[in-house]
N, C-alpha and C. Protein backbone atom coordinates (compact mmCIF):
# COMPACT_ATOMS: atom_id res chain seq x y z
N UNK A 1 3.10 -4.20 -40.91
CA UNK A 1 2.60 -3.84 -39.61
C UNK A 1 3.67 -4.17 -38.57
N UNK A 2 3.88 -3.29 -37.59
CA UNK A 2 4.87 -3.49 -36.53
C UNK A 2 4.20 -4.06 -35.29
N UNK A 3 4.97 -4.74 -34.48
CA UNK A 3 4.47 -5.27 -33.21
C UNK A 3 5.24 -4.67 -32.06
N UNK A 4 4.56 -4.54 -30.93
CA UNK A 4 5.17 -4.07 -29.70
C UNK A 4 4.99 -5.19 -28.69
N UNK A 5 6.06 -5.56 -27.99
CA UNK A 5 5.94 -6.56 -26.94
C UNK A 5 6.18 -5.89 -25.60
N UNK A 6 5.31 -6.18 -24.65
CA UNK A 6 5.40 -5.61 -23.31
C UNK A 6 5.49 -6.76 -22.32
N UNK A 7 6.50 -6.73 -21.45
CA UNK A 7 6.62 -7.72 -20.39
C UNK A 7 6.45 -7.00 -19.06
N UNK A 8 5.55 -7.53 -18.24
CA UNK A 8 5.26 -6.91 -16.94
C UNK A 8 5.35 -7.99 -15.87
N UNK A 9 6.17 -7.78 -14.83
CA UNK A 9 6.28 -8.77 -13.75
C UNK A 9 4.96 -8.89 -12.98
N UNK A 10 4.75 -10.06 -12.37
CA UNK A 10 3.53 -10.31 -11.61
C UNK A 10 3.27 -9.24 -10.56
N UNK A 11 4.31 -8.89 -9.79
CA UNK A 11 4.09 -7.94 -8.70
C UNK A 11 3.68 -6.56 -9.22
N UNK A 12 4.17 -6.17 -10.38
CA UNK A 12 3.77 -4.88 -10.94
C UNK A 12 2.34 -4.94 -11.46
N UNK A 13 1.98 -6.03 -12.11
CA UNK A 13 0.64 -6.16 -12.68
C UNK A 13 -0.42 -6.30 -11.58
N UNK A 14 -0.02 -6.73 -10.40
CA UNK A 14 -0.96 -6.87 -9.29
C UNK A 14 -1.42 -5.51 -8.78
N UNK A 15 -0.68 -4.44 -9.08
CA UNK A 15 -1.09 -3.10 -8.66
C UNK A 15 -2.15 -2.57 -9.63
N UNK A 16 -3.31 -2.17 -9.11
CA UNK A 16 -4.41 -1.73 -9.98
C UNK A 16 -4.02 -0.62 -10.96
N UNK A 17 -3.18 0.31 -10.52
CA UNK A 17 -2.80 1.42 -11.40
C UNK A 17 -2.01 0.91 -12.62
N UNK A 18 -1.13 -0.07 -12.40
CA UNK A 18 -0.34 -0.62 -13.50
C UNK A 18 -1.25 -1.38 -14.46
N UNK A 19 -2.14 -2.21 -13.90
CA UNK A 19 -3.05 -2.98 -14.75
C UNK A 19 -3.94 -2.05 -15.57
N UNK A 20 -4.43 -0.98 -14.94
CA UNK A 20 -5.29 -0.02 -15.63
C UNK A 20 -4.50 0.69 -16.75
N UNK A 21 -3.25 1.07 -16.45
CA UNK A 21 -2.42 1.75 -17.45
C UNK A 21 -2.16 0.83 -18.65
N UNK A 22 -1.91 -0.45 -18.36
CA UNK A 22 -1.69 -1.40 -19.44
C UNK A 22 -2.94 -1.53 -20.30
N UNK A 23 -4.09 -1.63 -19.67
CA UNK A 23 -5.35 -1.75 -20.41
C UNK A 23 -5.57 -0.54 -21.30
N UNK A 24 -5.30 0.65 -20.75
CA UNK A 24 -5.48 1.88 -21.54
C UNK A 24 -4.49 1.94 -22.70
N UNK A 25 -3.25 1.47 -22.46
CA UNK A 25 -2.26 1.46 -23.53
C UNK A 25 -2.69 0.53 -24.66
N UNK A 26 -3.16 -0.65 -24.29
CA UNK A 26 -3.60 -1.61 -25.31
C UNK A 26 -4.74 -1.01 -26.13
N UNK A 27 -5.67 -0.40 -25.46
CA UNK A 27 -6.80 0.22 -26.16
C UNK A 27 -6.32 1.37 -27.05
N UNK A 28 -5.41 2.19 -26.53
CA UNK A 28 -4.90 3.32 -27.31
C UNK A 28 -4.13 2.86 -28.54
N UNK A 29 -3.49 1.70 -28.43
CA UNK A 29 -2.72 1.18 -29.56
C UNK A 29 -3.59 0.41 -30.55
N UNK A 30 -4.88 0.37 -30.28
CA UNK A 30 -5.78 -0.26 -31.24
C UNK A 30 -6.18 -1.66 -30.86
N UNK A 31 -5.93 -2.05 -29.62
CA UNK A 31 -6.34 -3.37 -29.16
C UNK A 31 -7.86 -3.47 -29.16
N UNK A 32 -8.39 -4.63 -29.38
CA UNK A 32 -9.83 -4.84 -29.38
C UNK A 32 -10.27 -5.20 -27.98
N UNK A 33 -11.06 -4.34 -27.36
CA UNK A 33 -11.42 -4.54 -25.96
C UNK A 33 -12.26 -5.78 -25.75
N UNK A 34 -13.04 -6.21 -26.73
CA UNK A 34 -13.90 -7.38 -26.52
C UNK A 34 -13.11 -8.68 -26.49
N UNK A 35 -11.92 -8.72 -27.05
CA UNK A 35 -11.16 -9.97 -27.11
C UNK A 35 -9.90 -9.91 -26.28
N UNK A 36 -9.61 -8.79 -25.63
CA UNK A 36 -8.35 -8.65 -24.92
C UNK A 36 -8.56 -8.84 -23.44
N UNK A 37 -7.95 -9.88 -22.89
CA UNK A 37 -7.93 -10.09 -21.45
C UNK A 37 -6.49 -10.32 -21.08
N UNK A 38 -5.99 -9.60 -20.08
CA UNK A 38 -4.60 -9.70 -19.68
C UNK A 38 -4.56 -10.30 -18.29
N UNK A 39 -3.71 -11.28 -18.07
CA UNK A 39 -3.54 -11.83 -16.73
C UNK A 39 -2.06 -11.99 -16.46
N UNK A 40 -1.69 -12.00 -15.17
CA UNK A 40 -0.29 -12.06 -14.80
C UNK A 40 0.19 -13.50 -14.79
N UNK A 41 1.44 -13.83 -15.17
CA UNK A 41 2.39 -13.04 -15.93
C UNK A 41 1.94 -12.93 -17.37
N UNK A 42 2.39 -11.88 -18.05
CA UNK A 42 1.86 -11.69 -19.39
C UNK A 42 2.89 -11.09 -20.32
N UNK A 43 2.71 -11.36 -21.57
CA UNK A 43 3.38 -10.66 -22.66
C UNK A 43 2.27 -10.26 -23.60
N UNK A 44 2.24 -9.00 -23.96
CA UNK A 44 1.18 -8.51 -24.82
C UNK A 44 1.80 -8.00 -26.11
N UNK A 45 1.30 -8.45 -27.22
CA UNK A 45 1.74 -7.93 -28.50
C UNK A 45 0.54 -7.23 -29.11
N UNK A 46 0.65 -5.93 -29.31
CA UNK A 46 -0.47 -5.16 -29.85
C UNK A 46 -0.01 -4.45 -31.12
N UNK A 47 -0.86 -4.43 -32.13
CA UNK A 47 -0.48 -3.73 -33.36
C UNK A 47 -0.42 -2.23 -33.13
N UNK A 48 0.41 -1.54 -33.89
CA UNK A 48 0.47 -0.10 -33.82
C UNK A 48 -0.83 0.45 -34.39
N UNK A 49 -1.44 1.36 -33.66
CA UNK A 49 -2.75 1.86 -34.05
C UNK A 49 -2.64 2.94 -35.12
N UNK A 50 -3.65 2.98 -35.94
CA UNK A 50 -3.82 4.07 -36.89
C UNK A 50 -5.05 4.84 -36.43
N UNK A 51 -5.15 6.13 -36.75
CA UNK A 51 -6.30 6.91 -36.28
C UNK A 51 -7.64 6.26 -36.61
N UNK A 52 -7.75 5.55 -37.72
CA UNK A 52 -9.02 4.95 -38.08
C UNK A 52 -9.36 3.73 -37.21
N UNK A 53 -8.37 3.17 -36.49
CA UNK A 53 -8.64 1.98 -35.69
C UNK A 53 -9.06 2.30 -34.25
N UNK A 54 -9.07 3.58 -33.87
CA UNK A 54 -9.51 3.95 -32.51
C UNK A 54 -10.99 3.70 -32.38
N UNK A 55 -11.40 3.24 -31.21
CA UNK A 55 -12.83 3.05 -30.98
C UNK A 55 -13.20 3.61 -29.62
N UNK A 56 -14.47 3.78 -29.39
CA UNK A 56 -14.95 4.31 -28.12
C UNK A 56 -15.33 3.16 -27.20
N UNK A 57 -14.85 1.97 -27.47
CA UNK A 57 -15.19 0.79 -26.66
C UNK A 57 -14.56 0.92 -25.28
N UNK A 58 -15.15 0.27 -24.28
CA UNK A 58 -14.57 0.31 -22.94
C UNK A 58 -13.21 -0.37 -22.93
N UNK A 59 -12.35 -0.02 -21.95
CA UNK A 59 -11.02 -0.61 -21.90
C UNK A 59 -11.11 -2.12 -21.66
N UNK A 60 -10.07 -2.87 -22.06
CA UNK A 60 -10.08 -4.31 -21.85
C UNK A 60 -10.09 -4.67 -20.37
N UNK A 61 -10.64 -5.83 -20.06
CA UNK A 61 -10.66 -6.29 -18.68
C UNK A 61 -9.28 -6.82 -18.32
N UNK A 62 -8.80 -6.43 -17.16
CA UNK A 62 -7.50 -6.87 -16.71
C UNK A 62 -7.68 -7.55 -15.36
N UNK A 63 -7.16 -8.77 -15.24
CA UNK A 63 -7.27 -9.46 -13.96
C UNK A 63 -5.89 -9.54 -13.34
N UNK A 64 -5.84 -9.40 -12.03
CA UNK A 64 -4.58 -9.47 -11.30
C UNK A 64 -4.81 -10.31 -10.05
N UNK A 65 -3.75 -10.90 -9.53
CA UNK A 65 -3.91 -11.72 -8.33
C UNK A 65 -4.40 -10.89 -7.15
N UNK A 66 -5.23 -11.49 -6.31
CA UNK A 66 -5.74 -10.81 -5.12
C UNK A 66 -4.67 -10.83 -4.04
N UNK A 67 -4.60 -9.75 -3.26
CA UNK A 67 -3.68 -9.65 -2.15
C UNK A 67 -4.48 -9.85 -0.88
N UNK A 68 -4.04 -10.81 -0.04
CA UNK A 68 -4.74 -11.09 1.20
C UNK A 68 -4.50 -9.98 2.21
N UNK A 69 -5.56 -9.48 2.81
CA UNK A 69 -5.48 -8.48 3.87
C UNK A 69 -6.33 -8.97 5.03
N UNK A 70 -6.10 -8.44 6.23
CA UNK A 70 -6.95 -8.85 7.35
C UNK A 70 -8.41 -8.55 7.04
N UNK A 71 -9.28 -9.49 7.38
CA UNK A 71 -10.71 -9.32 7.11
C UNK A 71 -11.34 -8.41 8.15
N UNK A 72 -12.09 -7.47 7.67
CA UNK A 72 -12.83 -6.56 8.54
C UNK A 72 -14.30 -6.76 8.26
N UNK A 73 -15.09 -6.88 9.31
CA UNK A 73 -16.52 -7.04 9.08
C UNK A 73 -17.22 -5.73 9.41
N UNK A 74 -18.25 -5.43 8.68
CA UNK A 74 -19.01 -4.21 8.87
C UNK A 74 -19.88 -4.36 10.12
N UNK A 75 -19.76 -3.44 11.06
CA UNK A 75 -20.54 -3.50 12.29
C UNK A 75 -21.72 -2.54 12.17
N UNK A 76 -21.44 -1.29 11.95
CA UNK A 76 -22.45 -0.27 11.73
C UNK A 76 -21.98 0.58 10.57
N UNK A 77 -22.86 1.35 10.04
CA UNK A 77 -22.47 2.21 8.93
C UNK A 77 -21.27 3.07 9.36
N UNK A 78 -20.18 2.94 8.61
CA UNK A 78 -18.98 3.73 8.89
C UNK A 78 -18.08 3.14 9.96
N UNK A 79 -18.49 2.08 10.64
CA UNK A 79 -17.68 1.47 11.69
C UNK A 79 -17.26 0.08 11.25
N UNK A 80 -16.03 -0.33 11.61
CA UNK A 80 -15.56 -1.67 11.27
C UNK A 80 -15.06 -2.35 12.53
N UNK A 81 -15.05 -3.66 12.50
CA UNK A 81 -14.55 -4.47 13.58
C UNK A 81 -13.70 -5.57 12.95
N UNK A 82 -12.56 -5.88 13.56
CA UNK A 82 -11.68 -6.89 13.00
C UNK A 82 -12.09 -8.27 13.48
N UNK A 83 -11.75 -9.26 12.70
CA UNK A 83 -12.09 -10.63 13.04
C UNK A 83 -11.36 -11.05 14.31
N UNK A 84 -11.96 -11.96 15.09
CA UNK A 84 -11.32 -12.43 16.32
C UNK A 84 -9.96 -13.07 16.08
N UNK A 85 -9.71 -13.59 14.88
CA UNK A 85 -8.42 -14.22 14.58
C UNK A 85 -7.27 -13.22 14.72
N UNK A 86 -7.51 -11.95 14.40
CA UNK A 86 -6.45 -10.94 14.52
C UNK A 86 -6.13 -10.63 15.98
N UNK A 87 -7.07 -10.89 16.88
CA UNK A 87 -6.86 -10.59 18.29
C UNK A 87 -6.30 -11.79 19.05
N UNK A 88 -6.11 -12.92 18.37
CA UNK A 88 -5.62 -14.12 19.04
C UNK A 88 -4.11 -14.08 19.17
N UNK A 89 -3.59 -14.94 20.05
CA UNK A 89 -2.15 -15.06 20.23
C UNK A 89 -1.62 -14.16 21.32
N UNK A 90 -0.33 -14.30 21.58
CA UNK A 90 0.34 -13.49 22.60
C UNK A 90 0.52 -12.07 22.06
N UNK A 91 0.80 -11.11 22.96
CA UNK A 91 1.06 -9.74 22.47
C UNK A 91 2.19 -9.69 21.45
N UNK A 92 3.23 -10.50 21.65
CA UNK A 92 4.36 -10.51 20.70
C UNK A 92 3.92 -11.06 19.35
N UNK A 93 3.10 -12.10 19.34
CA UNK A 93 2.60 -12.66 18.07
C UNK A 93 1.72 -11.65 17.35
N UNK A 94 0.87 -10.95 18.11
CA UNK A 94 0.02 -9.91 17.49
C UNK A 94 0.88 -8.79 16.92
N UNK A 95 1.96 -8.41 17.64
CA UNK A 95 2.85 -7.35 17.15
C UNK A 95 3.50 -7.77 15.84
N UNK A 96 4.02 -8.98 15.77
CA UNK A 96 4.68 -9.48 14.55
C UNK A 96 3.68 -9.48 13.40
N UNK A 97 2.46 -9.95 13.66
CA UNK A 97 1.42 -10.00 12.62
C UNK A 97 1.05 -8.58 12.19
N UNK A 98 0.95 -7.66 13.15
CA UNK A 98 0.60 -6.26 12.85
C UNK A 98 1.68 -5.61 11.97
N UNK A 99 2.94 -5.74 12.36
CA UNK A 99 4.04 -5.13 11.61
C UNK A 99 4.13 -5.72 10.21
N UNK A 100 3.90 -7.03 10.08
CA UNK A 100 3.97 -7.68 8.76
C UNK A 100 2.92 -7.12 7.81
N UNK A 101 1.80 -6.65 8.33
CA UNK A 101 0.73 -6.10 7.49
C UNK A 101 0.88 -4.62 7.20
N UNK A 102 1.88 -3.96 7.76
CA UNK A 102 2.07 -2.53 7.55
C UNK A 102 2.70 -2.24 6.19
N UNK A 103 2.44 -1.05 5.65
CA UNK A 103 3.14 -0.62 4.43
C UNK A 103 4.65 -0.46 4.71
N UNK A 104 5.45 -0.48 3.66
CA UNK A 104 6.91 -0.39 3.79
C UNK A 104 7.35 0.83 4.59
N UNK A 105 6.80 2.01 4.29
CA UNK A 105 7.22 3.21 5.00
C UNK A 105 6.93 3.13 6.49
N UNK A 106 5.84 2.52 6.88
CA UNK A 106 5.52 2.37 8.30
C UNK A 106 6.52 1.45 8.98
N UNK A 107 6.85 0.33 8.32
CA UNK A 107 7.85 -0.59 8.89
C UNK A 107 9.21 0.09 8.98
N UNK A 108 9.58 0.85 7.95
CA UNK A 108 10.87 1.56 7.97
C UNK A 108 10.90 2.60 9.09
N UNK A 109 9.78 3.30 9.30
CA UNK A 109 9.69 4.28 10.39
C UNK A 109 9.91 3.61 11.74
N UNK A 110 9.24 2.49 11.98
CA UNK A 110 9.38 1.79 13.25
C UNK A 110 10.82 1.32 13.47
N UNK A 111 11.45 0.77 12.44
CA UNK A 111 12.83 0.31 12.56
C UNK A 111 13.78 1.48 12.84
N UNK A 112 13.56 2.58 12.14
CA UNK A 112 14.39 3.77 12.32
C UNK A 112 14.24 4.32 13.73
N UNK A 113 13.02 4.44 14.21
CA UNK A 113 12.76 4.97 15.55
C UNK A 113 13.34 4.04 16.61
N UNK A 114 13.14 2.74 16.45
CA UNK A 114 13.69 1.79 17.43
C UNK A 114 15.21 1.89 17.47
N UNK A 115 15.84 2.02 16.31
CA UNK A 115 17.29 2.11 16.24
C UNK A 115 17.85 3.39 16.85
N UNK A 116 17.16 4.51 16.64
CA UNK A 116 17.65 5.80 17.13
C UNK A 116 17.14 6.14 18.52
N UNK A 117 15.98 5.64 18.89
CA UNK A 117 15.40 5.94 20.19
C UNK A 117 14.57 7.21 20.20
N UNK A 118 14.97 8.20 19.43
CA UNK A 118 14.26 9.48 19.33
C UNK A 118 14.38 9.97 17.90
N UNK A 119 13.28 10.51 17.36
CA UNK A 119 13.27 10.92 15.96
C UNK A 119 12.33 12.11 15.79
N UNK A 120 12.85 13.20 15.21
CA UNK A 120 11.99 14.36 14.95
C UNK A 120 11.22 14.15 13.66
N UNK A 121 10.18 14.94 13.47
CA UNK A 121 9.38 14.85 12.26
C UNK A 121 10.25 15.14 11.03
N UNK A 122 11.05 16.19 11.10
CA UNK A 122 11.88 16.54 9.94
C UNK A 122 12.91 15.45 9.63
N UNK A 123 13.49 14.82 10.67
CA UNK A 123 14.43 13.71 10.43
C UNK A 123 13.72 12.54 9.76
N UNK A 124 12.52 12.23 10.24
CA UNK A 124 11.76 11.11 9.68
C UNK A 124 11.40 11.38 8.22
N UNK A 125 10.95 12.59 7.93
CA UNK A 125 10.58 12.95 6.55
C UNK A 125 11.80 12.80 5.64
N UNK A 126 12.95 13.27 6.10
CA UNK A 126 14.17 13.21 5.30
C UNK A 126 14.64 11.76 5.11
N UNK A 127 14.72 11.01 6.19
CA UNK A 127 15.27 9.66 6.12
C UNK A 127 14.34 8.67 5.42
N UNK A 128 13.04 8.94 5.44
CA UNK A 128 12.09 8.06 4.76
C UNK A 128 11.77 8.56 3.35
N UNK A 129 12.35 9.72 2.97
CA UNK A 129 12.13 10.32 1.65
C UNK A 129 10.64 10.54 1.39
N UNK A 130 9.95 11.12 2.37
CA UNK A 130 8.52 11.42 2.24
C UNK A 130 8.33 12.83 1.71
N UNK A 131 7.16 13.12 1.12
CA UNK A 131 6.94 14.45 0.56
C UNK A 131 6.85 15.57 1.59
N UNK A 132 6.52 15.25 2.84
CA UNK A 132 6.43 16.29 3.85
C UNK A 132 5.87 15.78 5.16
N UNK A 133 5.75 16.67 6.15
CA UNK A 133 5.26 16.29 7.47
C UNK A 133 3.85 15.71 7.47
N UNK A 134 3.01 16.14 6.54
CA UNK A 134 1.65 15.59 6.48
C UNK A 134 1.68 14.09 6.21
N UNK A 135 2.62 13.65 5.40
CA UNK A 135 2.75 12.22 5.12
C UNK A 135 3.11 11.46 6.39
N UNK A 136 3.95 12.03 7.23
CA UNK A 136 4.30 11.40 8.50
C UNK A 136 3.07 11.33 9.40
N UNK A 137 2.27 12.39 9.41
CA UNK A 137 1.05 12.40 10.21
C UNK A 137 0.08 11.31 9.77
N UNK A 138 -0.03 11.11 8.46
CA UNK A 138 -0.90 10.06 7.95
C UNK A 138 -0.39 8.68 8.32
N UNK A 139 0.91 8.50 8.22
CA UNK A 139 1.54 7.22 8.53
C UNK A 139 1.35 6.86 10.00
N UNK A 140 1.70 7.78 10.91
CA UNK A 140 1.58 7.49 12.34
C UNK A 140 0.12 7.47 12.79
N UNK A 141 -0.71 8.29 12.17
CA UNK A 141 -2.13 8.30 12.52
C UNK A 141 -2.81 6.99 12.18
N UNK A 142 -2.47 6.42 11.03
CA UNK A 142 -3.04 5.13 10.63
C UNK A 142 -2.61 4.04 11.60
N UNK A 143 -1.33 4.06 11.97
CA UNK A 143 -0.86 3.04 12.93
C UNK A 143 -1.58 3.19 14.26
N UNK A 144 -1.74 4.42 14.74
CA UNK A 144 -2.40 4.65 16.02
C UNK A 144 -3.87 4.23 15.99
N UNK A 145 -4.54 4.36 14.83
CA UNK A 145 -5.95 3.96 14.72
C UNK A 145 -6.11 2.45 14.68
N UNK A 146 -5.25 1.76 13.93
CA UNK A 146 -5.45 0.33 13.70
C UNK A 146 -4.81 -0.57 14.74
N UNK A 147 -3.75 -0.15 15.38
CA UNK A 147 -3.07 -1.01 16.36
C UNK A 147 -4.01 -1.46 17.49
N UNK A 148 -4.72 -0.56 18.15
CA UNK A 148 -5.59 -1.00 19.25
C UNK A 148 -6.68 -1.97 18.78
N UNK A 149 -7.15 -1.81 17.56
CA UNK A 149 -8.19 -2.70 17.03
C UNK A 149 -7.66 -4.10 16.78
N UNK A 150 -6.33 -4.23 16.74
CA UNK A 150 -5.72 -5.54 16.55
C UNK A 150 -5.04 -6.03 17.83
N UNK A 151 -5.35 -5.35 18.94
CA UNK A 151 -4.81 -5.76 20.23
C UNK A 151 -3.32 -5.50 20.37
N UNK A 152 -2.84 -4.43 19.72
CA UNK A 152 -1.41 -4.12 19.70
C UNK A 152 -1.17 -2.76 20.36
N UNK A 153 -0.11 -2.70 21.17
CA UNK A 153 0.34 -1.45 21.79
C UNK A 153 1.38 -0.80 20.88
N UNK A 154 1.21 0.48 20.56
CA UNK A 154 2.20 1.20 19.75
C UNK A 154 3.39 1.51 20.65
N UNK A 155 4.62 1.08 20.27
CA UNK A 155 5.77 1.21 21.16
C UNK A 155 6.51 2.54 21.07
N UNK A 156 5.78 3.62 20.87
CA UNK A 156 6.41 4.94 20.87
C UNK A 156 5.40 5.98 21.34
N UNK A 157 5.93 7.12 21.78
CA UNK A 157 5.09 8.25 22.19
C UNK A 157 5.44 9.44 21.32
N UNK A 158 4.43 10.24 21.00
CA UNK A 158 4.65 11.49 20.27
C UNK A 158 4.78 12.60 21.31
N UNK A 159 5.78 13.45 21.13
CA UNK A 159 6.04 14.53 22.09
C UNK A 159 6.42 15.80 21.34
N UNK A 160 6.53 16.88 22.10
CA UNK A 160 6.95 18.17 21.55
C UNK A 160 7.91 18.80 22.55
N UNK A 161 9.06 19.31 22.06
CA UNK A 161 10.01 19.93 22.99
C UNK A 161 9.64 21.39 23.25
N UNK A 162 10.44 22.07 24.08
CA UNK A 162 10.15 23.46 24.49
C UNK A 162 10.16 24.44 23.32
N UNK A 163 10.81 24.08 22.22
CA UNK A 163 10.85 24.95 21.03
C UNK A 163 9.71 24.64 20.05
N UNK A 164 8.87 23.67 20.38
CA UNK A 164 7.75 23.31 19.51
C UNK A 164 8.10 22.28 18.46
N UNK A 165 9.27 21.65 18.56
CA UNK A 165 9.68 20.62 17.61
C UNK A 165 9.02 19.30 18.02
N UNK A 166 8.27 18.72 17.08
CA UNK A 166 7.59 17.45 17.35
C UNK A 166 8.55 16.29 17.10
N UNK A 167 8.45 15.29 17.99
CA UNK A 167 9.31 14.12 17.83
C UNK A 167 8.63 12.90 18.44
N UNK A 168 9.20 11.72 18.14
CA UNK A 168 8.73 10.47 18.72
C UNK A 168 9.85 9.89 19.54
N UNK A 169 9.47 9.20 20.60
CA UNK A 169 10.45 8.52 21.44
C UNK A 169 10.02 7.05 21.57
N UNK A 170 10.97 6.15 21.39
CA UNK A 170 10.71 4.71 21.44
C UNK A 170 10.49 4.31 22.89
N UNK A 171 9.39 3.65 23.18
CA UNK A 171 9.08 3.19 24.54
C UNK A 171 9.23 1.69 24.67
N UNK A 172 9.31 0.98 23.59
CA UNK A 172 9.46 -0.47 23.61
C UNK A 172 8.13 -1.20 23.56
N UNK A 173 8.21 -2.47 23.31
CA UNK A 173 7.02 -3.31 23.20
C UNK A 173 6.49 -3.64 24.59
N UNK A 174 5.18 -3.68 24.68
CA UNK A 174 4.55 -4.23 25.87
C UNK A 174 4.31 -5.70 25.58
N UNK A 175 4.93 -6.58 26.24
CA UNK A 175 4.79 -7.97 25.88
C UNK A 175 4.78 -8.81 27.06
């Protein structure tokens, strides 16, 4: 019988898609779902499966470390309100906390715009290696929705020139 060893870093295993893929791989290779629990960091040795060892059992349980995010409390159905702790501090402290919680592409967009002062949609899509303008709309739309709820002013304006080209212009922090 052959063995396969798989090493997965903590940060990769913390992503639900990676943990799920690992669980499915273990099951596909003939792992026993009732006895298999994977936690980070991990090394998994699973026997090579034979067609007779496949089962219809549910995939193994995989646990990964929790990632802390700002707490949101439910106010009304479909509406959320952020905890008062997110609204505390000076405007500059709130800005630093807000940017730290943003996804990488959002932080890269803000740094790029601040550095250039003006950025078109096509330039942003190209420089951030995004799939298209819709991705930029999602990125900036999310920032525009969540910033005010955290007491943060978005330091740019969206504009359109006389030819219909959409762009952003850096306005700076309100602090």
